[in-house]
C-alpha atoms as a PDB file:
ATOM      1  CA  UNK A   1      -3.456 -81.087 -20.334  1.00  0.00           C
ATOM      2  CA  UNK A   2      -3.431 -82.859 -16.982  1.00  0.00           C
ATOM      3  CA  UNK A   3      -6.313 -85.153 -16.017  1.00  0.00           C
ATOM      4  CA  UNK A   4      -6.607 -86.289 -12.387  1.00  0.00           C
ATOM      5  CA  UNK A   5      -7.879 -89.755 -11.458  1.00  0.00           C
ATOM      6  CA  UNK A   6     -10.518 -88.999  -8.821  1.00  0.00           C
ATOM      7  CA  UNK A   7      -9.958 -92.210  -6.829  1.00  0.00           C
ATOM      8  CA  UNK A   8      -6.146 -92.389  -6.785  1.00  0.00           C
ATOM      9  CA  UNK A   9      -5.149 -88.768  -7.325  1.00  0.00           C
ATOM     10  CA  UNK A  10      -2.829 -89.878 -10.119  1.00  0.00           C
ATOM     11  CA  UNK A  11      -2.278 -87.201 -12.753  1.00  0.00           C
ATOM     12  CA  UNK A  12      -2.131 -88.283 -16.392  1.00  0.00           C
ATOM     13  CA  UNK A  13      -1.182 -85.991 -19.216  1.00  0.00           C
ATOM     14  CA  UNK A  14      -3.592 -85.944 -22.156  1.00  0.00           C
ATOM     15  CA  UNK A  15      -2.459 -85.272 -25.715  1.00  0.00           C
ATOM     16  CA  UNK A  16      -4.385 -82.805 -27.878  1.00  0.00           C
ATOM     17  CA  UNK A  17      -5.351 -83.771 -31.434  1.00  0.00           C
ATOM     18  CA  UNK A  18      -5.876 -80.742 -33.706  1.00  0.00           C
ATOM     19  CA  UNK A  19      -7.171 -80.782 -37.287  1.00  0.00           C
ATOM     20  CA  UNK A  20      -8.044 -77.961 -39.667  1.00  0.00           C
ATOM     21  CA  UNK A  21      -9.822 -77.714 -43.005  1.00  0.00           C
ATOM     22  CA  UNK A  22      -7.619 -76.150 -45.673  1.00  0.00           C
ATOM     23  CA  UNK A  23      -9.979 -73.732 -47.422  1.00  0.00           C
ATOM     24  CA  UNK A  24     -11.946 -72.526 -44.406  1.00  0.00           C
ATOM     25  CA  UNK A  25      -9.505 -72.929 -41.478  1.00  0.00           C
ATOM     26  CA  UNK A  26     -12.398 -74.537 -39.561  1.00  0.00           C
ATOM     27  CA  UNK A  27     -10.717 -76.259 -36.614  1.00  0.00           C
ATOM     28  CA  UNK A  28     -11.364 -79.409 -34.588  1.00  0.00           C
ATOM     29  CA  UNK A  29      -9.578 -80.297 -31.343  1.00  0.00           C
ATOM     30  CA  UNK A  30      -9.925 -83.032 -28.748  1.00  0.00           C
ATOM     31  CA  UNK A  31      -7.887 -84.633 -25.994  1.00  0.00           C
ATOM     32  CA  UNK A  32      -6.727 -88.250 -26.137  1.00  0.00           C
ATOM     33  CA  UNK A  33      -4.550 -90.340 -23.866  1.00  0.00           C
ATOM     34  CA  UNK A  34      -1.851 -90.932 -26.446  1.00  0.00           C
ATOM     35  CA  UNK A  35      -0.763 -90.586 -30.042  1.00  0.00           C
ATOM     36  CA  UNK A  36      -1.078 -94.335 -30.526  1.00  0.00           C
ATOM     37  CA  UNK A  37      -2.769 -95.798 -33.581  1.00  0.00           C
ATOM     38  CA  UNK A  38      -6.162 -96.556 -31.933  1.00  0.00           C
ATOM     39  CA  UNK A  39      -6.410 -93.006 -30.533  1.00  0.00           C
ATOM     40  CA  UNK A  40      -5.245 -91.544 -33.874  1.00  0.00           C
ATOM     41  CA  UNK A  41      -7.870 -93.455 -35.879  1.00  0.00           C
ATOM     42  CA  UNK A  42     -10.660 -92.698 -33.378  1.00  0.00           C
ATOM     43  CA  UNK A  43      -9.743 -88.990 -33.413  1.00  0.00           C
ATOM     44  CA  UNK A  44     -10.016 -88.969 -37.205  1.00  0.00           C
ATOM     45  CA  UNK A  45     -13.461 -90.576 -37.055  1.00  0.00           C
ATOM     46  CA  UNK A  46     -14.667 -87.990 -34.525  1.00  0.00           C
ATOM     47  CA  UNK A  47     -13.082 -85.231 -36.636  1.00  0.00           C
ATOM     48  CA  UNK A  48     -14.997 -86.377 -39.733  1.00  0.00           C
ATOM     49  CA  UNK A  49     -18.227 -86.341 -37.703  1.00  0.00           C
ATOM     50  CA  UNK A  50     -17.446 -82.851 -36.369  1.00  0.00           C
ATOM     51  CA  UNK A  51     -16.746 -81.516 -39.866  1.00  0.00           C
ATOM     52  CA  UNK A  52     -19.821 -83.270 -41.230  1.00  0.00           C
ATOM     53  CA  UNK A  53     -17.774 -84.804 -44.022  1.00  0.00           C
ATOM     54  CA  UNK A  54     -14.367 -85.954 -45.128  1.00  0.00           C
ATOM     55  CA  UNK A  55     -11.770 -83.747 -46.836  1.00  0.00           C
ATOM     56  CA  UNK A  56     -10.357 -84.952 -50.146  1.00  0.00           C
ATOM     57  CA  UNK A  57      -6.845 -84.912 -48.715  1.00  0.00           C
ATOM     58  CA  UNK A  58      -5.327 -85.593 -45.287  1.00  0.00           C
ATOM     59  CA  UNK A  59      -1.891 -84.096 -44.528  1.00  0.00           C
ATOM     60  CA  UNK A  60      -0.739 -85.660 -41.246  1.00  0.00           C
ATOM     61  CA  UNK A  61       2.387 -85.022 -39.281  1.00  0.00           C
ATOM     62  CA  UNK A  62       5.017 -87.767 -39.340  1.00  0.00           C
ATOM     63  CA  UNK A  63       4.046 -89.492 -36.110  1.00  0.00           C
ATOM     64  CA  UNK A  64       4.275 -93.277 -35.743  1.00  0.00           C
ATOM     65  CA  UNK A  65       0.498 -93.751 -35.976  1.00  0.00           C
ATOM     66  CA  UNK A  66       0.478 -92.262 -39.488  1.00  0.00           C
ATOM     67  CA  UNK A  67       3.871 -93.224 -40.872  1.00  0.00           C
ATOM     68  CA  UNK A  68       5.610 -96.583 -40.677  1.00  0.00           C
ATOM     69  CA  UNK A  69       8.820 -95.343 -42.289  1.00  0.00           C
ATOM     70  CA  UNK A  70       9.475 -91.586 -42.412  1.00  0.00           C
ATOM     71  CA  UNK A  71      11.931 -91.423 -45.287  1.00  0.00           C
ATOM     72  CA  UNK A  72      12.489 -88.123 -47.022  1.00  0.00           C
ATOM     73  CA  UNK A  73      11.487 -89.144 -50.548  1.00  0.00           C
ATOM     74  CA  UNK A  74       9.363 -92.253 -50.110  1.00  0.00           C
ATOM     75  CA  UNK A  75       7.724 -92.454 -46.681  1.00  0.00           C
ATOM     76  CA  UNK A  76       5.486 -95.413 -45.900  1.00  0.00           C
ATOM     77  CA  UNK A  77       1.959 -94.789 -44.616  1.00  0.00           C
ATOM     78  CA  UNK A  78       0.814 -96.964 -41.729  1.00  0.00           C
ATOM     79  CA  UNK A  79      -1.384 -99.752 -43.129  1.00  0.00           C
ATOM     80  CA  UNK A  80      -4.298 -99.116 -40.754  1.00  0.00           C
ATOM     81  CA  UNK A  81      -4.204 -95.398 -41.514  1.00  0.00           C
ATOM     82  CA  UNK A  82      -4.180 -96.175 -45.244  1.00  0.00           C
ATOM     83  CA  UNK A  83      -7.221 -98.430 -44.717  1.00  0.00           C
ATOM     84  CA  UNK A  84      -9.011 -95.588 -42.900  1.00  0.00           C
ATOM     85  CA  UNK A  85      -8.294 -93.293 -45.855  1.00  0.00           C
ATOM     86  CA  UNK A  86      -9.527 -95.945 -48.283  1.00  0.00           C
ATOM     87  CA  UNK A  87     -12.693 -96.529 -46.248  1.00  0.00           C
ATOM     88  CA  UNK A  88     -13.508 -92.810 -46.198  1.00  0.00           C
ATOM     89  CA  UNK A  89     -12.415 -92.371 -49.834  1.00  0.00           C
ATOM     90  CA  UNK A  90      -9.772 -89.770 -49.082  1.00  0.00           C
ATOM     91  CA  UNK A  91      -6.072 -89.525 -49.887  1.00  0.00           C
ATOM     92  CA  UNK A  92      -3.112 -89.141 -47.549  1.00  0.00           C
ATOM     93  CA  UNK A  93      -0.258 -86.811 -48.455  1.00  0.00           C
ATOM     94  CA  UNK A  94       2.450 -87.064 -45.838  1.00  0.00           C
ATOM     95  CA  UNK A  95       4.171 -83.868 -44.787  1.00  0.00           C
ATOM     96  CA  UNK A  96       7.915 -83.927 -45.311  1.00  0.00           C
ATOM     97  CA  UNK A  97       9.936 -84.339 -42.117  1.00  0.00           C
ATOM     98  CA  UNK A  98      11.083 -81.001 -40.651  1.00  0.00           C
ATOM     99  CA  UNK A  99       9.086 -78.991 -43.212  1.00  0.00           C
ATOM    100  CA  UNK A 100       6.450 -77.081 -41.204  1.00  0.00           C
ATOM    101  CA  UNK A 101       5.393 -75.167 -44.336  1.00  0.00           C
ATOM    102  CA  UNK A 102       3.876 -78.426 -45.654  1.00  0.00           C
ATOM    103  CA  UNK A 103       1.270 -78.163 -42.915  1.00  0.00           C
ATOM    104  CA  UNK A 104       1.263 -74.466 -42.105  1.00  0.00           C
ATOM    105  CA  UNK A 105      -2.524 -74.366 -41.491  1.00  0.00           C
ATOM    106  CA  UNK A 106      -2.203 -77.157 -38.938  1.00  0.00           C
ATOM    107  CA  UNK A 107       0.749 -75.489 -37.210  1.00  0.00           C
ATOM    108  CA  UNK A 108      -1.209 -72.227 -36.975  1.00  0.00           C
ATOM    109  CA  UNK A 109      -4.289 -74.049 -35.681  1.00  0.00           C
ATOM    110  CA  UNK A 110      -2.282 -75.810 -32.984  1.00  0.00           C
ATOM    111  CA  UNK A 111      -1.018 -72.412 -31.847  1.00  0.00           C
ATOM    112  CA  UNK A 112      -4.567 -71.000 -31.857  1.00  0.00           C
ATOM    113  CA  UNK A 113      -5.938 -73.985 -29.920  1.00  0.00           C
ATOM    114  CA  UNK A 114      -3.178 -73.512 -27.352  1.00  0.00           C
ATOM    115  CA  UNK A 115      -3.975 -69.806 -26.993  1.00  0.00           C
ATOM    116  CA  UNK A 116      -7.785 -69.787 -27.387  1.00  0.00           C
ATOM    117  CA  UNK A 117      -8.685 -73.039 -25.656  1.00  0.00           C
ATOM    118  CA  UNK A 118      -5.918 -74.629 -23.593  1.00  0.00           C
ATOM    119  CA  UNK A 119      -4.876 -71.321 -22.026  1.00  0.00           C
ATOM    120  CA  UNK A 120      -8.449 -70.789 -20.814  1.00  0.00           C
ATOM    121  CA  UNK A 121      -8.610 -74.292 -19.359  1.00  0.00           C
ATOM    122  CA  UNK A 122      -5.182 -74.386 -17.707  1.00  0.00           C
ATOM    123  CA  UNK A 123      -6.433 -73.480 -14.209  1.00  0.00           C
ATOM    124  CA  UNK A 124      -9.307 -75.976 -14.225  1.00  0.00           C
ATOM    125  CA  UNK A 125      -9.032 -79.497 -12.866  1.00  0.00           C
ATOM    126  CA  UNK A 126     -10.413 -82.296 -15.021  1.00  0.00           C
ATOM    127  CA  UNK A 127     -11.211 -85.737 -13.661  1.00  0.00           C
ATOM    128  CA  UNK A 128     -11.814 -87.542 -16.946  1.00  0.00           C
ATOM    129  CA  UNK A 129     -10.993 -87.284 -20.604  1.00  0.00           C
ATOM    130  CA  UNK A 130     -14.714 -86.901 -21.307  1.00  0.00           C
ATOM    131  CA  UNK A 131     -14.873 -83.882 -19.001  1.00  0.00           C
ATOM    132  CA  UNK A 132     -11.826 -82.302 -20.670  1.00  0.00           C
ATOM    133  CA  UNK A 133     -13.230 -82.929 -24.157  1.00  0.00           C
ATOM    134  CA  UNK A 134     -16.555 -81.363 -23.163  1.00  0.00           C
ATOM    135  CA  UNK A 135     -14.699 -78.220 -22.057  1.00  0.00           C
ATOM    136  CA  UNK A 136     -12.706 -78.147 -25.318  1.00  0.00           C
ATOM    137  CA  UNK A 137     -15.868 -78.697 -27.380  1.00  0.00           C
ATOM    138  CA  UNK A 138     -17.589 -75.819 -25.578  1.00  0.00           C
ATOM    139  CA  UNK A 139     -14.792 -73.427 -26.622  1.00  0.00           C
ATOM    140  CA  UNK A 140     -14.423 -74.585 -30.247  1.00  0.00           C
ATOM    141  CA  UNK A 141     -17.401 -72.542 -31.542  1.00  0.00           C
ATOM    142  CA  UNK A 142     -15.816 -69.346 -30.187  1.00  0.00           C
ATOM    143  CA  UNK A 143     -12.529 -70.165 -31.907  1.00  0.00           C
ATOM    144  CA  UNK A 144     -14.211 -70.998 -35.198  1.00  0.00           C
ATOM    145  CA  UNK A 145     -16.634 -68.064 -35.159  1.00  0.00           C
ATOM    146  CA  UNK A 146     -13.864 -65.594 -34.294  1.00  0.00           C
ATOM    147  CA  UNK A 147     -12.068 -66.739 -37.414  1.00  0.00           C
ATOM    148  CA  UNK A 148     -15.281 -66.510 -39.426  1.00  0.00           C
ATOM    149  CA  UNK A 149     -15.448 -62.756 -39.002  1.00  0.00           C
ATOM    150  CA  UNK A 150     -12.185 -62.470 -40.887  1.00  0.00           C
ATOM    151  CA  UNK A 151     -11.796 -65.356 -43.291  1.00  0.00           C
ATOM    152  CA  UNK A 152     -14.912 -67.526 -43.243  1.00  0.00           C
ATOM    153  CA  UNK A 153     -17.569 -64.948 -44.081  1.00  0.00           C
ATOM    154  CA  UNK A 154     -18.159 -66.142 -47.660  1.00  0.00           C
ATOM    155  CA  UNK A 155     -17.756 -69.812 -46.809  1.00  0.00           C
ATOM    156  CA  UNK A 156     -20.144 -69.566 -43.864  1.00  0.00           C
ATOM    157  CA  UNK A 157     -22.690 -67.686 -45.969  1.00  0.00           C
ATOM    158  CA  UNK A 158     -22.989 -70.596 -48.367  1.00  0.00           C
ATOM    159  CA  UNK A 159     -22.664 -73.238 -45.601  1.00  0.00           C
ATOM    160  CA  UNK A 160     -19.685 -74.967 -47.164  1.00  0.00           C
ATOM    161  CA  UNK A 161     -17.824 -75.478 -43.870  1.00  0.00           C
ATOM    162  CA  UNK A 162     -18.181 -79.233 -43.918  1.00  0.00           C
ATOM    163  CA  UNK A 163     -16.866 -79.884 -47.414  1.00  0.00           C
ATOM    164  CA  UNK A 164     -13.581 -77.968 -47.267  1.00  0.00           C
ATOM    165  CA  UNK A 165     -14.273 -76.616 -50.759  1.00  0.00           C
ATOM    166  CA  UNK A 166     -15.431 -73.182 -51.710  1.00  0.00           C
ATOM    167  CA  UNK A 167     -18.450 -73.024 -53.964  1.00  0.00           C
ATOM    168  CA  UNK A 168     -18.508 -71.013 -57.207  1.00  0.00           C
ATOM    169  CA  UNK A 169     -20.057 -68.004 -55.418  1.00  0.00           C
ATOM    170  CA  UNK A 170     -17.283 -67.857 -52.833  1.00  0.00           C
ATOM    171  CA  UNK A 171     -14.204 -68.085 -55.037  1.00  0.00           C
END
């Protein structure tokens, strides 16, 4: 998404971070300036706040901020990312390179964010990342509630959206 600097007119392209809970498909999205480690870690912290908790398992893509060495059988997790996981008491399971089925929920959510949110915002001009994120945040409830009619009904009824686990009643 393009963001225009009001004083210089310079256009910068923002990256979109998308995360999804496995059991509920509850989705989080936000814009950042890059996929660098500081932006990656900060996006995770905001994601945990949005979800109201931390999932037991993180399955990231193989970008540099998450993976130091993306080998097929023994990839190396970035040390700072591993520390984040340790701090929040969660585990990291790296997706295999070129295996989109390892993170099918995330791939689907990226597509939905592109269609439900970014497509609606494409004709608007944003002058700051904060402004863009406010517009994304305003559209997230519509995306998540549209899904709830189909697949979140039981999860929403027992308010388990933030834990990424279905309760005994919902299974």
